[in-house]
Structure formats: C-alpha cells, structure tokens
C-alpha atoms as a PDB file:
ATOM      1  CA  UNK A   1     104.146  92.734 110.640  1.00  0.00           C
ATOM      2  CA  UNK A   2     105.639  96.291 111.056  1.00  0.00           C
ATOM      3  CA  UNK A   3     104.467  97.044 106.874  1.00  0.00           C
ATOM      4  CA  UNK A   4     100.878  96.440 108.263  1.00  0.00           C
ATOM      5  CA  UNK A   5     101.286  98.446 111.367  1.00  0.00           C
ATOM      6  CA  UNK A   6     102.676 101.309 109.543  1.00  0.00           C
ATOM      7  CA  UNK A   7      99.905 101.820 107.388  1.00  0.00           C
ATOM      8  CA  UNK A   8      97.771 101.352 109.746  1.00  0.00           C
ATOM      9  CA  UNK A   9      99.041 104.732 111.207  1.00  0.00           C
ATOM     10  CA  UNK A  10      99.324 106.292 108.000  1.00  0.00           C
ATOM     11  CA  UNK A  11      95.916 105.194 107.850  1.00  0.00           C
ATOM     12  CA  UNK A  12      94.341 106.669 111.037  1.00  0.00           C
ATOM     13  CA  UNK A  13      96.285 110.220 110.291  1.00  0.00           C
ATOM     14  CA  UNK A  14      94.299 110.979 107.082  1.00  0.00           C
ATOM     15  CA  UNK A  15      91.255 109.578 108.292  1.00  0.00           C
ATOM     16  CA  UNK A  16      91.884 111.899 110.706  1.00  0.00           C
ATOM     17  CA  UNK A  17      92.515 114.979 109.248  1.00  0.00           C
ATOM     18  CA  UNK A  18      89.886 114.162 106.467  1.00  0.00           C
ATOM     19  CA  UNK A  19      87.365 114.258 109.259  1.00  0.00           C
ATOM     20  CA  UNK A  20      88.396 117.500 109.787  1.00  0.00           C
ATOM     21  CA  UNK A  21      87.392 118.943 106.276  1.00  0.00           C
ATOM     22  CA  UNK A  22      84.533 117.372 106.473  1.00  0.00           C
ATOM     23  CA  UNK A  23      83.384 118.786 109.612  1.00  0.00           C
ATOM     24  CA  UNK A  24      84.572 122.236 108.484  1.00  0.00           C
ATOM     25  CA  UNK A  25      86.119 122.432 112.012  1.00  0.00           C
ATOM     26  CA  UNK A  26      89.723 124.174 112.744  1.00  0.00           C
ATOM     27  CA  UNK A  27      92.649 122.203 113.234  1.00  0.00           C
ATOM     28  CA  UNK A  28      94.926 122.794 116.078  1.00  0.00           C
ATOM     29  CA  UNK A  29      97.405 125.157 113.921  1.00  0.00           C
ATOM     30  CA  UNK A  30      94.147 126.886 112.345  1.00  0.00           C
ATOM     31  CA  UNK A  31      91.505 126.248 109.848  1.00  0.00           C
ATOM     32  CA  UNK A  32      91.906 123.715 107.444  1.00  0.00           C
ATOM     33  CA  UNK A  33      92.014 126.411 104.423  1.00  0.00           C
ATOM     34  CA  UNK A  34      95.241 127.937 105.745  1.00  0.00           C
ATOM     35  CA  UNK A  35      96.882 124.620 104.229  1.00  0.00           C
ATOM     36  CA  UNK A  36      99.228 125.626 101.658  1.00  0.00           C
ATOM     37  CA  UNK A  37      99.602 123.563  98.894  1.00  0.00           C
ATOM     38  CA  UNK A  38     102.808 122.111  99.893  1.00  0.00           C
ATOM     39  CA  UNK A  39     101.005 120.398 102.742  1.00  0.00           C
ATOM     40  CA  UNK A  40      98.612 119.037 100.595  1.00  0.00           C
ATOM     41  CA  UNK A  41     100.949 117.536  98.396  1.00  0.00           C
ATOM     42  CA  UNK A  42     102.432 116.256 100.796  1.00  0.00           C
ATOM     43  CA  UNK A  43      99.308 114.747 102.357  1.00  0.00           C
ATOM     44  CA  UNK A  44      98.454 113.509  99.197  1.00  0.00           C
ATOM     45  CA  UNK A  45     101.814 111.079  98.523  1.00  0.00           C
ATOM     46  CA  UNK A  46     101.291 110.123 102.123  1.00  0.00           C
ATOM     47  CA  UNK A  47      97.252 108.940 101.526  1.00  0.00           C
ATOM     48  CA  UNK A  48      98.735 107.741  98.233  1.00  0.00           C
ATOM     49  CA  UNK A  49     101.601 105.366  99.835  1.00  0.00           C
ATOM     50  CA  UNK A  50      99.028 102.198 100.814  1.00  0.00           C
ATOM     51  CA  UNK A  51      98.622 101.949  96.884  1.00  0.00           C
ATOM     52  CA  UNK A  52     101.433 102.801  95.242  1.00  0.00           C
ATOM     53  CA  UNK A  53     103.926 100.037  97.207  1.00  0.00           C
ATOM     54  CA  UNK A  54     101.242  97.285  96.503  1.00  0.00           C
ATOM     55  CA  UNK A  55     100.947  95.386  92.466  1.00  0.00           C
ATOM     56  CA  UNK A  56      97.871  95.321  91.475  1.00  0.00           C
ATOM     57  CA  UNK A  57      97.884  91.324  92.116  1.00  0.00           C
ATOM     58  CA  UNK A  58      98.005  91.866  95.803  1.00  0.00           C
ATOM     59  CA  UNK A  59      95.218  94.101  96.031  1.00  0.00           C
ATOM     60  CA  UNK A  60      92.911  92.178  93.379  1.00  0.00           C
ATOM     61  CA  UNK A  61      93.661  88.922  95.309  1.00  0.00           C
ATOM     62  CA  UNK A  62      93.516  91.170  98.713  1.00  0.00           C
ATOM     63  CA  UNK A  63      90.059  92.464  97.859  1.00  0.00           C
ATOM     64  CA  UNK A  64      88.700  89.177  96.120  1.00  0.00           C
ATOM     65  CA  UNK A  65      89.562  87.549  99.094  1.00  0.00           C
ATOM     66  CA  UNK A  66      87.783  89.927 101.368  1.00  0.00           C
ATOM     67  CA  UNK A  67      84.884  89.714  99.154  1.00  0.00           C
ATOM     68  CA  UNK A  68      84.597  86.315  99.460  1.00  0.00           C
ATOM     69  CA  UNK A  69      83.789  86.403 103.405  1.00  0.00           C
ATOM     70  CA  UNK A  70      86.668  84.113 103.733  1.00  0.00           C
ATOM     71  CA  UNK A  71      87.837  86.557 106.478  1.00  0.00           C
ATOM     72  CA  UNK A  72      87.108  90.229 108.307  1.00  0.00           C
ATOM     73  CA  UNK A  73      88.607  93.463 107.275  1.00  0.00           C
ATOM     74  CA  UNK A  74      91.153  93.255 109.154  1.00  0.00           C
ATOM     75  CA  UNK A  75      91.981  89.504 109.016  1.00  0.00           C
ATOM     76  CA  UNK A  76      92.566  90.213 105.702  1.00  0.00           C
ATOM     77  CA  UNK A  77      94.834  93.004 105.812  1.00  0.00           C
ATOM     78  CA  UNK A  78      96.807  91.223 108.359  1.00  0.00           C
ATOM     79  CA  UNK A  79      97.198  88.629 105.749  1.00  0.00           C
ATOM     80  CA  UNK A  80      98.077  90.368 102.713  1.00  0.00           C
ATOM     81  CA  UNK A  81      99.848  92.959 105.160  1.00  0.00           C
ATOM     82  CA  UNK A  82      97.868  96.017 104.158  1.00  0.00           C
ATOM     83  CA  UNK A  83      96.437  98.773 105.994  1.00  0.00           C
ATOM     84  CA  UNK A  84      93.235  98.549 106.658  1.00  0.00           C
ATOM     85  CA  UNK A  85      92.253 102.149 104.825  1.00  0.00           C
ATOM     86  CA  UNK A  86      94.298 101.463 101.765  1.00  0.00           C
ATOM     87  CA  UNK A  87      91.972  97.879 101.752  1.00  0.00           C
ATOM     88  CA  UNK A  88      88.918  99.783 101.949  1.00  0.00           C
ATOM     89  CA  UNK A  89      89.814 102.157  99.098  1.00  0.00           C
ATOM     90  CA  UNK A  90      90.444  99.061  97.481  1.00  0.00           C
ATOM     91  CA  UNK A  91      87.158  97.147  98.115  1.00  0.00           C
ATOM     92  CA  UNK A  92      85.271 100.491  97.002  1.00  0.00           C
ATOM     93  CA  UNK A  93      87.007 101.403  94.112  1.00  0.00           C
ATOM     94  CA  UNK A  94      86.376  97.305  92.808  1.00  0.00           C
ATOM     95  CA  UNK A  95      82.329  97.552  93.918  1.00  0.00           C
ATOM     96  CA  UNK A  96      82.120 100.303  91.835  1.00  0.00           C
ATOM     97  CA  UNK A  97      84.785 100.126  88.477  1.00  0.00           C
ATOM     98  CA  UNK A  98      85.813  96.247  89.010  1.00  0.00           C
ATOM     99  CA  UNK A  99      89.837  95.726  88.415  1.00  0.00           C
ATOM    100  CA  UNK A 100      90.295  99.017  86.323  1.00  0.00           C
ATOM    101  CA  UNK A 101      89.232 100.816  89.948  1.00  0.00           C
ATOM    102  CA  UNK A 102      92.304  98.775  91.077  1.00  0.00           C
ATOM    103  CA  UNK A 103      94.837 100.412  88.298  1.00  0.00           C
ATOM    104  CA  UNK A 104      97.380 103.183  89.143  1.00  0.00           C
ATOM    105  CA  UNK A 105      97.006 106.642  88.048  1.00  0.00           C
ATOM    106  CA  UNK A 106     100.157 108.296  88.952  1.00  0.00           C
ATOM    107  CA  UNK A 107      99.982 110.951  86.203  1.00  0.00           C
ATOM    108  CA  UNK A 108      96.629 112.032  86.295  1.00  0.00           C
ATOM    109  CA  UNK A 109      95.841 115.646  86.426  1.00  0.00           C
ATOM    110  CA  UNK A 110      92.549 117.530  87.194  1.00  0.00           C
ATOM    111  CA  UNK A 111      91.352 120.163  85.010  1.00  0.00           C
ATOM    112  CA  UNK A 112      88.862 122.444  86.703  1.00  0.00           C
ATOM    113  CA  UNK A 113      86.320 121.525  84.682  1.00  0.00           C
ATOM    114  CA  UNK A 114      86.672 118.189  85.778  1.00  0.00           C
ATOM    115  CA  UNK A 115      86.972 119.463  89.223  1.00  0.00           C
ATOM    116  CA  UNK A 116      83.578 121.067  89.251  1.00  0.00           C
ATOM    117  CA  UNK A 117      81.815 118.438  87.582  1.00  0.00           C
ATOM    118  CA  UNK A 118      82.904 115.993  90.513  1.00  0.00           C
ATOM    119  CA  UNK A 119      82.446 118.855  92.997  1.00  0.00           C
ATOM    120  CA  UNK A 120      78.181 118.780  91.303  1.00  0.00           C
ATOM    121  CA  UNK A 121      78.169 115.110  91.304  1.00  0.00           C
ATOM    122  CA  UNK A 122      78.490 115.532  94.828  1.00  0.00           C
ATOM    123  CA  UNK A 123      75.532 117.949  95.440  1.00  0.00           C
ATOM    124  CA  UNK A 124      73.858 116.800  93.160  1.00  0.00           C
ATOM    125  CA  UNK A 125      73.483 112.706  94.726  1.00  0.00           C
ATOM    126  CA  UNK A 126      74.600 114.313  98.530  1.00  0.00           C
ATOM    127  CA  UNK A 127      77.443 111.514  98.659  1.00  0.00           C
ATOM    128  CA  UNK A 128      80.190 111.662 100.521  1.00  0.00           C
ATOM    129  CA  UNK A 129      83.845 112.228  99.409  1.00  0.00           C
ATOM    130  CA  UNK A 130      84.368 108.767  99.489  1.00  0.00           C
ATOM    131  CA  UNK A 131      81.736 107.414  97.230  1.00  0.00           C
ATOM    132  CA  UNK A 132      83.092 110.542  94.831  1.00  0.00           C
ATOM    133  CA  UNK A 133      86.294 108.803  94.715  1.00  0.00           C
ATOM    134  CA  UNK A 134      85.437 105.569  93.884  1.00  0.00           C
ATOM    135  CA  UNK A 135      82.625 106.575  91.213  1.00  0.00           C
ATOM    136  CA  UNK A 136      85.621 109.034  89.246  1.00  0.00           C
ATOM    137  CA  UNK A 137      88.381 106.087  90.119  1.00  0.00           C
ATOM    138  CA  UNK A 138      90.254 109.461  92.138  1.00  0.00           C
ATOM    139  CA  UNK A 139      92.575 107.490  94.341  1.00  0.00           C
ATOM    140  CA  UNK A 140      92.883 109.991  96.787  1.00  0.00           C
ATOM    141  CA  UNK A 141      89.798 111.491  98.595  1.00  0.00           C
ATOM    142  CA  UNK A 142      91.453 114.559 100.441  1.00  0.00           C
ATOM    143  CA  UNK A 143      92.079 116.081  97.232  1.00  0.00           C
ATOM    144  CA  UNK A 144      87.785 115.669  96.994  1.00  0.00           C
ATOM    145  CA  UNK A 145      87.434 117.153  99.997  1.00  0.00           C
ATOM    146  CA  UNK A 146      89.728 120.043  99.218  1.00  0.00           C
ATOM    147  CA  UNK A 147      88.011 120.885  95.917  1.00  0.00           C
ATOM    148  CA  UNK A 148      84.372 121.097  97.904  1.00  0.00           C
ATOM    149  CA  UNK A 149      85.936 123.260 100.320  1.00  0.00           C
ATOM    150  CA  UNK A 150      87.437 125.334  97.918  1.00  0.00           C
ATOM    151  CA  UNK A 151      84.172 125.713  96.007  1.00  0.00           C
ATOM    152  CA  UNK A 152      81.983 126.480  98.873  1.00  0.00           C
ATOM    153  CA  UNK A 153      84.278 129.291  99.808  1.00  0.00           C
ATOM    154  CA  UNK A 154      84.694 130.897  96.340  1.00  0.00           C
ATOM    155  CA  UNK A 155      83.127 129.111  94.007  1.00  0.00           C
ATOM    156  CA  UNK A 156      83.370 127.854  90.385  1.00  0.00           C
ATOM    157  CA  UNK A 157      86.401 130.114  89.979  1.00  0.00           C
ATOM    158  CA  UNK A 158      88.512 128.486  93.524  1.00  0.00           C
ATOM    159  CA  UNK A 159      88.855 125.289  91.554  1.00  0.00           C
ATOM    160  CA  UNK A 160      91.585 126.932  89.145  1.00  0.00           C
ATOM    161  CA  UNK A 161      94.876 126.460  90.740  1.00  0.00           C
ATOM    162  CA  UNK A 162      96.155 128.914  88.643  1.00  0.00           C
ATOM    163  CA  UNK A 163      93.767 131.419  91.149  1.00  0.00           C
ATOM    164  CA  UNK A 164      95.279 132.551  94.295  1.00  0.00           C
ATOM    165  CA  UNK A 165      93.504 134.313  97.478  1.00  0.00           C
ATOM    166  CA  UNK A 166      89.424 134.434  98.263  1.00  0.00           C
ATOM    167  CA  UNK A 167      87.565 134.984  95.465  1.00  0.00           C
ATOM    168  CA  UNK A 168      84.378 135.140  94.630  1.00  0.00           C
ATOM    169  CA  UNK A 169      82.095 133.724  91.939  1.00  0.00           C
ATOM    170  CA  UNK A 170      81.558 135.882  88.777  1.00  0.00           C
ATOM    171  CA  UNK A 171      78.499 134.436  87.739  1.00  0.00           C
ATOM    172  CA  UNK A 172      76.878 136.604  90.760  1.00  0.00           C
ATOM    173  CA  UNK A 173      72.588 137.281  89.407  1.00  0.00           C
ATOM    174  CA  UNK A 174      69.770 138.993  90.882  1.00  0.00           C
ATOM    175  CA  UNK A 175      69.260 137.420  93.982  1.00  0.00           C
ATOM    176  CA  UNK A 176      67.764 140.600  95.807  1.00  0.00           C
ATOM    177  CA  UNK A 177      65.351 140.839  93.866  1.00  0.00           C
ATOM    178  CA  UNK A 178      62.862 137.795  94.424  1.00  0.00           C
ATOM    179  CA  UNK A 179      61.378 136.872  97.637  1.00  0.00           C
ATOM    180  CA  UNK A 180      62.769 133.494  98.801  1.00  0.00           C
ATOM    181  CA  UNK A 181      58.804 132.179  98.787  1.00  0.00           C
ATOM    182  CA  UNK A 182      58.500 132.881  94.695  1.00  0.00           C
ATOM    183  CA  UNK A 183      61.823 130.568  94.441  1.00  0.00           C
ATOM    184  CA  UNK A 184      61.687 127.450  92.444  1.00  0.00           C
ATOM    185  CA  UNK A 185      63.697 124.623  94.334  1.00  0.00           C
ATOM    186  CA  UNK A 186      66.709 125.184  91.695  1.00  0.00           C
ATOM    187  CA  UNK A 187      66.756 129.329  92.609  1.00  0.00           C
ATOM    188  CA  UNK A 188      67.054 128.306  96.239  1.00  0.00           C
ATOM    189  CA  UNK A 189      70.081 125.909  95.904  1.00  0.00           C
ATOM    190  CA  UNK A 190      71.668 128.649  93.653  1.00  0.00           C
ATOM    191  CA  UNK A 191      70.654 131.514  96.301  1.00  0.00           C
ATOM    192  CA  UNK A 192      71.958 129.466  99.388  1.00  0.00           C
ATOM    193  CA  UNK A 193      74.663 128.399  97.555  1.00  0.00           C
ATOM    194  CA  UNK A 194      76.031 131.717  96.477  1.00  0.00           C
ATOM    195  CA  UNK A 195      75.621 132.923 100.614  1.00  0.00           C
ATOM    196  CA  UNK A 196      77.804 130.667 101.341  1.00  0.00           C
ATOM    197  CA  UNK A 197      80.572 131.200  99.325  1.00  0.00           C
ATOM    198  CA  UNK A 198      79.584 135.145  99.526  1.00  0.00           C
ATOM    199  CA  UNK A 199      79.681 134.633 103.811  1.00  0.00           C
ATOM    200  CA  UNK A 200      83.372 132.793 103.648  1.00  0.00           C
ATOM    201  CA  UNK A 201      84.670 135.264 101.325  1.00  0.00           C
ATOM    202  CA  UNK A 202      83.906 138.264 104.153  1.00  0.00           C
ATOM    203  CA  UNK A 203      85.288 135.756 106.764  1.00  0.00           C
ATOM    204  CA  UNK A 204      88.422 135.479 104.894  1.00  0.00           C
ATOM    205  CA  UNK A 205      89.259 138.526 104.211  1.00  0.00           C
ATOM    206  CA  UNK A 206      88.264 139.883 107.786  1.00  0.00           C
ATOM    207  CA  UNK A 207      90.814 136.783 108.676  1.00  0.00           C
ATOM    208  CA  UNK A 208      93.479 138.244 106.113  1.00  0.00           C
ATOM    209  CA  UNK A 209      92.983 141.644 107.759  1.00  0.00           C
ATOM    210  CA  UNK A 210      93.335 140.650 111.527  1.00  0.00           C
ATOM    211  CA  UNK A 211      96.424 138.708 110.523  1.00  0.00           C
ATOM    212  CA  UNK A 212      98.046 141.528 109.260  1.00  0.00           C
ATOM    213  CA  UNK A 213      96.805 144.178 111.787  1.00  0.00           C
ATOM    214  CA  UNK A 214      98.304 141.819 114.149  1.00  0.00           C
ATOM    215  CA  UNK A 215     101.882 141.552 112.459  1.00  0.00           C
ATOM    216  CA  UNK A 216     101.630 145.011 112.406  1.00  0.00           C
ATOM    217  CA  UNK A 217     101.268 145.373 116.054  1.00  0.00           C
ATOM    218  CA  UNK A 218     103.993 142.931 117.141  1.00  0.00           C
ATOM    219  CA  UNK A 219     106.503 144.994 114.473  1.00  0.00           C
ATOM    220  CA  UNK A 220     105.355 147.888 116.641  1.00  0.00           C
ATOM    221  CA  UNK A 221     108.582 148.638 119.349  1.00  0.00           C
ATOM    222  CA  UNK A 222     107.786 148.476 123.281  1.00  0.00           C
END
C-alpha cells in the first residue's frame, strides 16, 4: 500500500509537470526553459522510478491482467502494487511494441539526429509525447517534451546537447521574397516553424538582458 501511494504521488507530480511543458505556461519558479540539465536529469530519474523497481515479469503480468478486462486500471495498480502512471505507460508501450516495449533501456543515449527524427515524427503525425514515447520505445515522456520545446525555441541546433544558450537555426532561407498566398503547404509550414523559432529566440535574448540589468541594478548601493 505504501509503495502504491508513493508511486502515485510521484506519477501525479510528473504528470502535472508535463502538462506545464505541453501548455508552455510558466511554473512557479519561472519559465520551463529556465530548467537546467540537472533538473531534467533529476526529473528523468523520478519518472523512470516506477518502471525500474519492478521486474519484467511484474510489468508484463500487470499489463496482461488489465488488458484481459478483469479489473480497472486502479484495481490493477493496487493488486500489483504499482502506480497508475507507470502502469499506463507500460500498457501504452505494450500495445505499440509488445513485450519488447516493457524492457529496460537504462544505458540508452540519443543522438541529435534521433531527437530530430522524433520531433519531426510528432509534427508530421500530430501526436503527443506519450504516443511518440511508445512508438520509439523511449521510457521518459518528459525527455521528448524537452526536445520539442528546444526545437521550437532554437531549431534543430538546439537538440545538440553540446550547444548552450539561445540559438537560431542555421538553415535560414529567403522567407520574405514570396507572398504567403503563393506559398505551398510545405513552404508555409517551414515559414511558420522559422517564425516561431525566431520569436522564441528574441524573447529569450530579451529575458536574458532584463535579468542582467536587474542584477546590475541590485548591485548598486542605495
């Protein structure tokens, strides 16, 4: 019972945080983009807690029990002493990839190219981070949310972990030489993508300047 309650609390906290990411609304501590890598690593560890501590046999048995129609999601979670959030992820992964979707991938790393592939898949199919997580067998939905936010703010260059600070896409194009009425659907999509990245970039620069000015103001003697 204690384990189930603890995992439910953890799952609820992660769900609420993910909702903030999806809505682009600021949290109590400021904008989501202000999170540093340490925060994302910590959140990732919490998010994967529900899966890491349960063996494959337990995950598979819980999923099969729920899919058999013998019990509701809540009843299944209680019976197997797991949280509803991790159980939901297991079910989604199992439906997408079968038993392979329930296996651990603790040492998996993601290249910038793979991250871009995931982001473009979401945009092309208009799917959620949860769907992309199941499709690509990525155990952490918040990682995908982070990739999408970085891409919207700084383009594909922002998906490279070695890059720091606000960036703009390098593949700029002559977007002002052609009226919107003459653009194709693909050109309009690219134009919108660029404008979003440019707007986010300018907002980030403005925020950094204002933050710097505030620090300098606070340093001045009264």
